[in-house]
Amino acid sequence: MCDIEISRSLAARVGAQEAHVGVRDGETVREVIDRLTELYGSQVASGMLDGNRLRSDVIAVRNPDTDYESVTADTALRPGDSLEFHLTSEHEKVSGSA
């Protein structure tokens, strides 16, 4: 299972703030977004993806509570990973960097 959190500003765009989806070893971030699109509607894909890539204003982070690893749409996931999505304008607030 993959726990997904979407920042409040991005959630206003895509229509979902959190979700839990099953992830098979090696599935990509893009495939998880495709699954969210099936669950919540096409606005998820258009709000997070530009073709096969993350939109330039969207940042994805794997395991934000432990590793805080920025990832791309092509990053392979493992069962138990968590994802956090936010807008680049929110990056300093979310990551705590200045």
PDB file of N, CA and C in Angstrom:
ATOM      1  N   MET A   1       0.841  -1.174   0.000  1.00  0.00           N
ATOM      2  CA  MET A   1       0.000   0.000   0.000  1.00  0.00           C
ATOM      3  C   MET A   1       0.887   1.238   0.000  1.00  0.00           C
ATOM      4  N   CYS A   2       0.494   2.243  -0.759  1.00  0.00           N
ATOM      5  CA  CYS A   2       1.227   3.496  -0.839  1.00  0.00           C
ATOM      6  C   CYS A   2       0.317   4.605  -0.317  1.00  0.00           C
ATOM      7  N   ASP A   3       0.769   5.296   0.723  1.00  0.00           N
ATOM      8  CA  ASP A   3       0.033   6.436   1.241  1.00  0.00           C
ATOM      9  C   ASP A   3       0.437   7.658   0.438  1.00  0.00           C
ATOM     10  N   ILE A   4      -0.555   8.416   0.000  1.00  0.00           N
ATOM     11  CA  ILE A   4      -0.314   9.574  -0.855  1.00  0.00           C
ATOM     12  C   ILE A   4      -0.919  10.803  -0.200  1.00  0.00           C
ATOM     13  N   GLU A   5      -0.107  11.844  -0.093  1.00  0.00           N
ATOM     14  CA  GLU A   5      -0.595  13.128   0.400  1.00  0.00           C
ATOM     15  C   GLU A   5      -0.380  14.167  -0.685  1.00  0.00           C
ATOM     16  N   ILE A   6      -1.390  14.999  -0.884  1.00  0.00           N
ATOM     17  CA  ILE A   6      -1.338  16.058  -1.883  1.00  0.00           C
ATOM     18  C   ILE A   6      -1.570  17.371  -1.151  1.00  0.00           C
ATOM     19  N   SER A   7      -0.668  18.317  -1.341  1.00  0.00           N
ATOM     20  CA  SER A   7      -0.775  19.590  -0.627  1.00  0.00           C
ATOM     21  C   SER A   7      -2.120  20.257  -0.922  1.00  0.00           C
ATOM     22  N   ARG A   8      -2.525  21.108  -0.014  1.00  0.00           N
ATOM     23  CA  ARG A   8      -3.837  21.755  -0.117  1.00  0.00           C
ATOM     24  C   ARG A   8      -3.995  22.529  -1.426  1.00  0.00           C
ATOM     25  N   SER A   9      -2.969  23.269  -1.829  1.00  0.00           N
ATOM     26  CA  SER A   9      -3.060  24.048  -3.072  1.00  0.00           C
ATOM     27  C   SER A   9      -3.172  23.149  -4.293  1.00  0.00           C
ATOM     28  N   LEU A  10      -2.377  22.084  -4.331  1.00  0.00           N
ATOM     29  CA  LEU A  10      -2.449  21.147  -5.455  1.00  0.00           C
ATOM     30  C   LEU A  10      -3.751  20.364  -5.407  1.00  0.00           C
ATOM     31  N   ALA A  11      -4.222  20.032  -4.210  1.00  0.00           N
ATOM     32  CA  ALA A  11      -5.491  19.302  -4.073  1.00  0.00           C
ATOM     33  C   ALA A  11      -6.649  20.106  -4.648  1.00  0.00           C
ATOM     34  N   ALA A  12      -6.594  21.421  -4.526  1.00  0.00           N
ATOM     35  CA  ALA A  12      -7.644  22.263  -5.106  1.00  0.00           C
ATOM     36  C   ALA A  12      -7.675  22.103  -6.624  1.00  0.00           C
ATOM     37  N   ARG A  13      -6.531  21.844  -7.217  1.00  0.00           N
ATOM     38  CA  ARG A  13      -6.436  21.660  -8.664  1.00  0.00           C
ATOM     39  C   ARG A  13      -6.889  20.267  -9.084  1.00  0.00           C
ATOM     40  N   VAL A  14      -6.503  19.239  -8.317  1.00  0.00           N
ATOM     41  CA  VAL A  14      -6.730  17.862  -8.761  1.00  0.00           C
ATOM     42  C   VAL A  14      -7.941  17.187  -8.111  1.00  0.00           C
ATOM     43  N   GLY A  15      -8.473  17.763  -7.047  1.00  0.00           N
ATOM     44  CA  GLY A  15      -9.690  17.223  -6.445  1.00  0.00           C
ATOM     45  C   GLY A  15      -9.493  16.097  -5.449  1.00  0.00           C
ATOM     46  N   ALA A  16      -8.277  15.916  -4.964  1.00  0.00           N
ATOM     47  CA  ALA A  16      -8.016  14.885  -3.950  1.00  0.00           C
ATOM     48  C   ALA A  16      -6.871  15.361  -3.079  1.00  0.00           C
ATOM     49  N   GLN A  17      -6.950  15.077  -1.767  1.00  0.00           N
ATOM     50  CA  GLN A  17      -5.885  15.502  -0.870  1.00  0.00           C
ATOM     51  C   GLN A  17      -5.076  14.332  -0.322  1.00  0.00           C
ATOM     52  N   GLU A  18      -5.698  13.181  -0.181  1.00  0.00           N
ATOM     53  CA  GLU A  18      -4.948  12.000   0.243  1.00  0.00           C
ATOM     54  C   GLU A  18      -5.605  10.764  -0.324  1.00  0.00           C
ATOM     55  N   ALA A  19      -4.798   9.717  -0.466  1.00  0.00           N
ATOM     56  CA  ALA A  19      -5.303   8.453  -1.010  1.00  0.00           C
ATOM     57  C   ALA A  19      -4.384   7.333  -0.546  1.00  0.00           C
ATOM     58  N   HIS A  20      -4.857   6.137  -0.701  1.00  0.00           N
ATOM     59  CA  HIS A  20      -4.093   4.936  -0.387  1.00  0.00           C
ATOM     60  C   HIS A  20      -4.312   3.976  -1.558  1.00  0.00           C
ATOM     61  N   VAL A  21      -3.243   3.616  -2.234  1.00  0.00           N
ATOM     62  CA  VAL A  21      -3.357   2.702  -3.372  1.00  0.00           C
ATOM     63  C   VAL A  21      -2.318   1.593  -3.234  1.00  0.00           C
ATOM     64  N   GLY A  22      -2.660   0.436  -3.732  1.00  0.00           N
ATOM     65  CA  GLY A  22      -1.714  -0.665  -3.768  1.00  0.00           C
ATOM     66  C   GLY A  22      -0.638  -0.389  -4.803  1.00  0.00           C
ATOM     67  N   VAL A  23       0.594  -0.755  -4.482  1.00  0.00           N
ATOM     68  CA  VAL A  23       1.718  -0.558  -5.398  1.00  0.00           C
ATOM     69  C   VAL A  23       2.489  -1.857  -5.506  1.00  0.00           C
ATOM     70  N   ARG A  24       2.725  -2.282  -6.739  1.00  0.00           N
ATOM     71  CA  ARG A  24       3.577  -3.451  -6.977  1.00  0.00           C
ATOM     72  C   ARG A  24       5.011  -2.971  -7.134  1.00  0.00           C
ATOM     73  N   ASP A  25       5.958  -3.792  -6.715  1.00  0.00           N
ATOM     74  CA  ASP A  25       7.371  -3.449  -6.808  1.00  0.00           C
ATOM     75  C   ASP A  25       7.701  -3.051  -8.243  1.00  0.00           C
ATOM     76  N   GLY A  26       8.298  -1.883  -8.413  1.00  0.00           N
ATOM     77  CA  GLY A  26       8.701  -1.421  -9.733  1.00  0.00           C
ATOM     78  C   GLY A  26       7.705  -0.518 -10.432  1.00  0.00           C
ATOM     79  N   GLU A  27       6.493  -0.411  -9.914  1.00  0.00           N
ATOM     80  CA  GLU A  27       5.536   0.522 -10.503  1.00  0.00           C
ATOM     81  C   GLU A  27       6.074   1.933 -10.369  1.00  0.00           C
ATOM     82  N   THR A  28       5.764   2.775 -11.337  1.00  0.00           N
ATOM     83  CA  THR A  28       6.313   4.129 -11.330  1.00  0.00           C
ATOM     84  C   THR A  28       5.333   5.133 -10.710  1.00  0.00           C
ATOM     85  N   VAL A  29       5.881   6.286 -10.396  1.00  0.00           N
ATOM     86  CA  VAL A  29       5.058   7.386  -9.885  1.00  0.00           C
ATOM     87  C   VAL A  29       3.952   7.703 -10.891  1.00  0.00           C
ATOM     88  N   ARG A  30       4.281   7.706 -12.175  1.00  0.00           N
ATOM     89  CA  ARG A  30       3.286   7.981 -13.214  1.00  0.00           C
ATOM     90  C   ARG A  30       2.153   6.952 -13.177  1.00  0.00           C
ATOM     91  N   GLU A  31       2.480   5.688 -12.957  1.00  0.00           N
ATOM     92  CA  GLU A  31       1.438   4.661 -12.874  1.00  0.00           C
ATOM     93  C   GLU A  31       0.539   4.883 -11.656  1.00  0.00           C
ATOM     94  N   VAL A  32       1.110   5.371 -10.567  1.00  0.00           N
ATOM     95  CA  VAL A  32       0.290   5.705  -9.398  1.00  0.00           C
ATOM     96  C   VAL A  32      -0.628   6.878  -9.724  1.00  0.00           C
ATOM     97  N   ILE A  33      -0.099   7.882 -10.422  1.00  0.00           N
ATOM     98  CA  ILE A  33      -0.942   9.008 -10.834  1.00  0.00           C
ATOM     99  C   ILE A  33      -2.047   8.526 -11.772  1.00  0.00           C
ATOM    100  N   ASP A  34      -1.732   7.594 -12.673  1.00  0.00           N
ATOM    101  CA  ASP A  34      -2.761   7.023 -13.556  1.00  0.00           C
ATOM    102  C   ASP A  34      -3.862   6.350 -12.739  1.00  0.00           C
ATOM    103  N   ARG A  35      -3.474   5.654 -11.683  1.00  0.00           N
ATOM    104  CA  ARG A  35      -4.461   5.001 -10.829  1.00  0.00           C
ATOM    105  C   ARG A  35      -5.319   6.043 -10.097  1.00  0.00           C
ATOM    106  N   LEU A  36      -4.680   7.111  -9.614  1.00  0.00           N
ATOM    107  CA  LEU A  36      -5.436   8.200  -8.972  1.00  0.00           C
ATOM    108  C   LEU A  36      -6.403   8.840  -9.961  1.00  0.00           C
ATOM    109  N   THR A  37      -5.987   8.928 -11.209  1.00  0.00           N
ATOM    110  CA  THR A  37      -6.855   9.479 -12.253  1.00  0.00           C
ATOM    111  C   THR A  37      -8.086   8.600 -12.438  1.00  0.00           C
ATOM    112  N   GLU A  38      -7.896   7.291 -12.406  1.00  0.00           N
ATOM    113  CA  GLU A  38      -9.039   6.371 -12.507  1.00  0.00           C
ATOM    114  C   GLU A  38      -9.990   6.545 -11.328  1.00  0.00           C
ATOM    115  N   LEU A  39      -9.444   6.779 -10.138  1.00  0.00           N
ATOM    116  CA  LEU A  39     -10.268   6.916  -8.935  1.00  0.00           C
ATOM    117  C   LEU A  39     -10.964   8.263  -8.837  1.00  0.00           C
ATOM    118  N   TYR A  40     -10.259   9.355  -9.194  1.00  0.00           N
ATOM    119  CA  TYR A  40     -10.772  10.698  -8.918  1.00  0.00           C
ATOM    120  C   TYR A  40     -11.105  11.526 -10.147  1.00  0.00           C
ATOM    121  N   GLY A  41     -10.689  11.099 -11.338  1.00  0.00           N
ATOM    122  CA  GLY A  41     -11.042  11.829 -12.547  1.00  0.00           C
ATOM    123  C   GLY A  41      -9.840  12.374 -13.305  1.00  0.00           C
ATOM    124  N   SER A  42     -10.107  12.786 -14.532  1.00  0.00           N
ATOM    125  CA  SER A  42      -9.045  13.216 -15.445  1.00  0.00           C
ATOM    126  C   SER A  42      -8.304  14.467 -14.975  1.00  0.00           C
ATOM    127  N   GLN A  43      -8.918  15.255 -14.084  1.00  0.00           N
ATOM    128  CA  GLN A  43      -8.246  16.459 -13.597  1.00  0.00           C
ATOM    129  C   GLN A  43      -6.975  16.117 -12.809  1.00  0.00           C
ATOM    130  N   VAL A  44      -6.881  14.894 -12.294  1.00  0.00           N
ATOM    131  CA  VAL A  44      -5.669  14.491 -11.575  1.00  0.00           C
ATOM    132  C   VAL A  44      -4.492  14.464 -12.547  1.00  0.00           C
ATOM    133  N   ALA A  45      -4.656  13.775 -13.662  1.00  0.00           N
ATOM    134  CA  ALA A  45      -3.570  13.686 -14.643  1.00  0.00           C
ATOM    135  C   ALA A  45      -3.231  15.059 -15.200  1.00  0.00           C
ATOM    136  N   SER A  46      -4.230  15.838 -15.572  1.00  0.00           N
ATOM    137  CA  SER A  46      -3.941  17.146 -16.159  1.00  0.00           C
ATOM    138  C   SER A  46      -3.338  18.099 -15.135  1.00  0.00           C
ATOM    139  N   GLY A  47      -3.635  17.906 -13.862  1.00  0.00           N
ATOM    140  CA  GLY A  47      -3.093  18.769 -12.820  1.00  0.00           C
ATOM    141  C   GLY A  47      -1.711  18.383 -12.350  1.00  0.00           C
ATOM    142  N   MET A  48      -1.291  17.134 -12.645  1.00  0.00           N
ATOM    143  CA  MET A  48       0.008  16.669 -12.151  1.00  0.00           C
ATOM    144  C   MET A  48       0.993  16.325 -13.265  1.00  0.00           C
ATOM    145  N   LEU A  49       0.487  15.972 -14.435  1.00  0.00           N
ATOM    146  CA  LEU A  49       1.363  15.509 -15.514  1.00  0.00           C
ATOM    147  C   LEU A  49       1.333  16.435 -16.718  1.00  0.00           C
ATOM    148  N   ASP A  50       2.460  16.515 -17.380  1.00  0.00           N
ATOM    149  CA  ASP A  50       2.582  17.170 -18.678  1.00  0.00           C
ATOM    150  C   ASP A  50       3.091  16.081 -19.612  1.00  0.00           C
ATOM    151  N   GLY A  51       2.171  15.420 -20.289  1.00  0.00           N
ATOM    152  CA  GLY A  51       2.539  14.239 -21.063  1.00  0.00           C
ATOM    153  C   GLY A  51       2.898  13.117 -20.113  1.00  0.00           C
ATOM    154  N   ASN A  52       4.105  12.590 -20.229  1.00  0.00           N
ATOM    155  CA  ASN A  52       4.564  11.512 -19.355  1.00  0.00           C
ATOM    156  C   ASN A  52       5.428  12.009 -18.197  1.00  0.00           C
ATOM    157  N   ARG A  53       5.560  13.327 -18.049  1.00  0.00           N
ATOM    158  CA  ARG A  53       6.397  13.893 -16.997  1.00  0.00           C
ATOM    159  C   ARG A  53       5.540  14.631 -15.988  1.00  0.00           C
ATOM    160  N   LEU A  54       6.099  14.852 -14.817  1.00  0.00           N
ATOM    161  CA  LEU A  54       5.434  15.723 -13.865  1.00  0.00           C
ATOM    162  C   LEU A  54       5.423  17.136 -14.437  1.00  0.00           C
ATOM    163  N   ARG A  55       4.351  17.858 -14.183  1.00  0.00           N
ATOM    164  CA  ARG A  55       4.311  19.258 -14.596  1.00  0.00           C
ATOM    165  C   ARG A  55       5.464  20.003 -13.944  1.00  0.00           C
ATOM    166  N   SER A  56       5.923  21.055 -14.571  1.00  0.00           N
ATOM    167  CA  SER A  56       7.072  21.794 -14.056  1.00  0.00           C
ATOM    168  C   SER A  56       6.805  22.443 -12.701  1.00  0.00           C
ATOM    169  N   ASP A  57       5.541  22.619 -12.340  1.00  0.00           N
ATOM    170  CA  ASP A  57       5.223  23.235 -11.047  1.00  0.00           C
ATOM    171  C   ASP A  57       4.843  22.218  -9.980  1.00  0.00           C
ATOM    172  N   VAL A  58       5.069  20.911 -10.243  1.00  0.00           N
ATOM    173  CA  VAL A  58       4.727  19.854  -9.290  1.00  0.00           C
ATOM    174  C   VAL A  58       6.003  19.141  -8.838  1.00  0.00           C
ATOM    175  N   ILE A  59       6.140  18.973  -7.535  1.00  0.00           N
ATOM    176  CA  ILE A  59       7.253  18.220  -6.957  1.00  0.00           C
ATOM    177  C   ILE A  59       6.682  16.981  -6.285  1.00  0.00           C
ATOM    178  N   ALA A  60       7.324  15.850  -6.534  1.00  0.00           N
ATOM    179  CA  ALA A  60       6.940  14.597  -5.884  1.00  0.00           C
ATOM    180  C   ALA A  60       8.085  14.155  -4.985  1.00  0.00           C
ATOM    181  N   VAL A  61       7.724  13.702  -3.786  1.00  0.00           N
ATOM    182  CA  VAL A  61       8.716  13.266  -2.803  1.00  0.00           C
ATOM    183  C   VAL A  61       8.328  11.882  -2.300  1.00  0.00           C
ATOM    184  N   ARG A  62       9.313  10.971  -2.301  1.00  0.00           N
ATOM    185  CA  ARG A  62       9.092   9.629  -1.758  1.00  0.00           C
ATOM    186  C   ARG A  62       9.521   9.623  -0.298  1.00  0.00           C
ATOM    187  N   ASN A  63       8.710   8.980   0.533  1.00  0.00           N
ATOM    188  CA  ASN A  63       8.995   8.806   1.954  1.00  0.00           C
ATOM    189  C   ASN A  63       9.403  10.118   2.635  1.00  0.00           C
ATOM    190  N   PRO A  64       8.511  11.114   2.580  1.00  0.00           N
ATOM    191  CA  PRO A  64       8.857  12.440   3.112  1.00  0.00           C
ATOM    192  C   PRO A  64       9.168  12.461   4.597  1.00  0.00           C
ATOM    193  N   ASP A  65       8.669  11.511   5.362  1.00  0.00           N
ATOM    194  CA  ASP A  65       8.913  11.511   6.807  1.00  0.00           C
ATOM    195  C   ASP A  65      10.260  10.920   7.197  1.00  0.00           C
ATOM    196  N   THR A  66      10.897  10.175   6.264  1.00  0.00           N
ATOM    197  CA  THR A  66      12.163   9.537   6.612  1.00  0.00           C
ATOM    198  C   THR A  66      13.305   9.944   5.673  1.00  0.00           C
ATOM    199  N   ASP A  67      13.127   9.769   4.374  1.00  0.00           N
ATOM    200  CA  ASP A  67      14.213  10.006   3.418  1.00  0.00           C
ATOM    201  C   ASP A  67      14.111  11.333   2.686  1.00  0.00           C
ATOM    202  N   TYR A  68      12.900  11.831   2.469  1.00  0.00           N
ATOM    203  CA  TYR A  68      12.624  13.037   1.696  1.00  0.00           C
ATOM    204  C   TYR A  68      13.407  13.025   0.381  1.00  0.00           C
ATOM    205  N   GLU A  69      13.085  12.056  -0.466  1.00  0.00           N
ATOM    206  CA  GLU A  69      13.759  11.881  -1.751  1.00  0.00           C
ATOM    207  C   GLU A  69      12.869  12.407  -2.873  1.00  0.00           C
ATOM    208  N   SER A  70      13.318  13.465  -3.560  1.00  0.00           N
ATOM    209  CA  SER A  70      12.573  13.966  -4.712  1.00  0.00           C
ATOM    210  C   SER A  70      12.609  12.908  -5.807  1.00  0.00           C
ATOM    211  N   VAL A  71      11.474  12.703  -6.471  1.00  0.00           N
ATOM    212  CA  VAL A  71      11.368  11.675  -7.495  1.00  0.00           C
ATOM    213  C   VAL A  71      10.736  12.263  -8.758  1.00  0.00           C
ATOM    214  N   THR A  72      10.872  11.536  -9.848  1.00  0.00           N
ATOM    215  CA  THR A  72      10.273  11.921 -11.122  1.00  0.00           C
ATOM    216  C   THR A  72       9.107  10.982 -11.427  1.00  0.00           C
ATOM    217  N   ALA A  73       8.430  11.235 -12.519  1.00  0.00           N
ATOM    218  CA  ALA A  73       7.319  10.376 -12.923  1.00  0.00           C
ATOM    219  C   ALA A  73       7.796   8.963 -13.244  1.00  0.00           C
ATOM    220  N   ASP A  74       9.060   8.821 -13.631  1.00  0.00           N
ATOM    221  CA  ASP A  74       9.602   7.508 -14.009  1.00  0.00           C
ATOM    222  C   ASP A  74      10.234   6.742 -12.855  1.00  0.00           C
ATOM    223  N   THR A  75      10.247   7.315 -11.676  1.00  0.00           N
ATOM    224  CA  THR A  75      10.853   6.646 -10.524  1.00  0.00           C
ATOM    225  C   THR A  75      10.056   5.403 -10.138  1.00  0.00           C
ATOM    226  N   ALA A  76      10.760   4.289  -9.985  1.00  0.00           N
ATOM    227  CA  ALA A  76      10.128   3.036  -9.566  1.00  0.00           C
ATOM    228  C   ALA A  76       9.896   3.064  -8.058  1.00  0.00           C
ATOM    229  N   LEU A  77       8.757   2.551  -7.652  1.00  0.00           N
ATOM    230  CA  LEU A  77       8.371   2.519  -6.242  1.00  0.00           C
ATOM    231  C   LEU A  77       8.435   1.103  -5.696  1.00  0.00           C
ATOM    232  N   ARG A  78       8.382   1.028  -4.378  1.00  0.00           N
ATOM    233  CA  ARG A  78       8.325  -0.260  -3.683  1.00  0.00           C
ATOM    234  C   ARG A  78       7.091  -0.273  -2.797  1.00  0.00           C
ATOM    235  N   PRO A  79       6.521  -1.430  -2.563  1.00  0.00           N
ATOM    236  CA  PRO A  79       5.405  -1.496  -1.615  1.00  0.00           C
ATOM    237  C   PRO A  79       5.839  -0.880  -0.286  1.00  0.00           C
ATOM    238  N   GLY A  80       4.971  -0.090   0.296  1.00  0.00           N
ATOM    239  CA  GLY A  80       5.282   0.562   1.563  1.00  0.00           C
ATOM    240  C   GLY A  80       5.817   1.977   1.415  1.00  0.00           C
ATOM    241  N   ASP A  81       6.205   2.364   0.187  1.00  0.00           N
ATOM    242  CA  ASP A  81       6.616   3.747  -0.030  1.00  0.00           C
ATOM    243  C   ASP A  81       5.429   4.669   0.202  1.00  0.00           C
ATOM    244  N   SER A  82       5.727   5.885   0.575  1.00  0.00           N
ATOM    245  CA  SER A  82       4.696   6.915   0.623  1.00  0.00           C
ATOM    246  C   SER A  82       5.109   8.030  -0.327  1.00  0.00           C
ATOM    247  N   LEU A  83       4.134   8.756  -0.839  1.00  0.00           N
ATOM    248  CA  LEU A  83       4.392   9.852  -1.763  1.00  0.00           C
ATOM    249  C   LEU A  83       3.719  11.111  -1.261  1.00  0.00           C
ATOM    250  N   GLU A  84       4.378  12.219  -1.510  1.00  0.00           N
ATOM    251  CA  GLU A  84       3.815  13.526  -1.207  1.00  0.00           C
ATOM    252  C   GLU A  84       3.979  14.373  -2.470  1.00  0.00           C
ATOM    253  N   PHE A  85       2.926  15.048  -2.858  1.00  0.00           N
ATOM    254  CA  PHE A  85       2.964  15.932  -4.017  1.00  0.00           C
ATOM    255  C   PHE A  85       2.664  17.342  -3.550  1.00  0.00           C
ATOM    256  N   HIS A  86       3.430  18.307  -4.043  1.00  0.00           N
ATOM    257  CA  HIS A  86       3.129  19.703  -3.763  1.00  0.00           C
ATOM    258  C   HIS A  86       3.612  20.579  -4.912  1.00  0.00           C
ATOM    259  N   LEU A  87       3.196  21.809  -4.886  1.00  0.00           N
ATOM    260  CA  LEU A  87       3.586  22.757  -5.923  1.00  0.00           C
ATOM    261  C   LEU A  87       4.963  23.327  -5.603  1.00  0.00           C
ATOM    262  N   THR A  88       5.709  23.704  -6.647  1.00  0.00           N
ATOM    263  CA  THR A  88       7.036  24.273  -6.434  1.00  0.00           C
ATOM    264  C   THR A  88       6.964  25.524  -5.561  1.00  0.00           C
ATOM    265  N   SER A  89       5.878  26.282  -5.662  1.00  0.00           N
ATOM    266  CA  SER A  89       5.735  27.492  -4.851  1.00  0.00           C
ATOM    267  C   SER A  89       5.625  27.183  -3.369  1.00  0.00           C
ATOM    268  N   GLU A  90       5.300  25.947  -3.018  1.00  0.00           N
ATOM    269  CA  GLU A  90       5.177  25.525  -1.621  1.00  0.00           C
ATOM    270  C   GLU A  90       6.429  24.815  -1.111  1.00  0.00           C
ATOM    271  N   HIS A  91       7.418  24.630  -1.949  1.00  0.00           N
ATOM    272  CA  HIS A  91       8.563  23.772  -1.632  1.00  0.00           C
ATOM    273  C   HIS A  91       9.267  24.168  -0.338  1.00  0.00           C
ATOM    274  N   GLU A  92       9.577  25.437  -0.144  1.00  0.00           N
ATOM    275  CA  GLU A  92      10.283  25.846   1.069  1.00  0.00           C
ATOM    276  C   GLU A  92       9.462  25.572   2.312  1.00  0.00           C
ATOM    277  N   LYS A  93       8.151  25.806   2.234  1.00  0.00           N
ATOM    278  CA  LYS A  93       7.293  25.570   3.392  1.00  0.00           C
ATOM    279  C   LYS A  93       7.229  24.098   3.733  1.00  0.00           C
ATOM    280  N   VAL A  94       7.161  23.233   2.717  1.00  0.00           N
ATOM    281  CA  VAL A  94       6.994  21.800   2.943  1.00  0.00           C
ATOM    282  C   VAL A  94       8.304  21.141   3.352  1.00  0.00           C
ATOM    283  N   SER A  95       9.397  21.503   2.669  1.00  0.00           N
ATOM    284  CA  SER A  95      10.676  20.823   2.937  1.00  0.00           C
ATOM    285  C   SER A  95      11.416  21.413   4.123  1.00  0.00           C
ATOM    286  N   GLY A  96      11.039  22.633   4.517  1.00  0.00           N
ATOM    287  CA  GLY A  96      11.719  23.269   5.623  1.00  0.00           C
ATOM    288  C   GLY A  96      13.036  23.905   5.225  1.00  0.00           C
ATOM    289  N   SER A  97      13.346  23.900   3.912  1.00  0.00           N
ATOM    290  CA  SER A  97      14.580  24.537   3.457  1.00  0.00           C
ATOM    291  C   SER A  97      14.345  26.028   3.272  1.00  0.00           C
ATOM    292  N   ALA A  98      15.408  26.798   3.379  1.00  0.00           N
ATOM    293  CA  ALA A  98      15.261  28.251   3.230  1.00  0.00           C
ATOM    294  C   ALA A  98      16.086  28.754   2.073  1.00  0.00           C
TER     295      ALA A  98
END
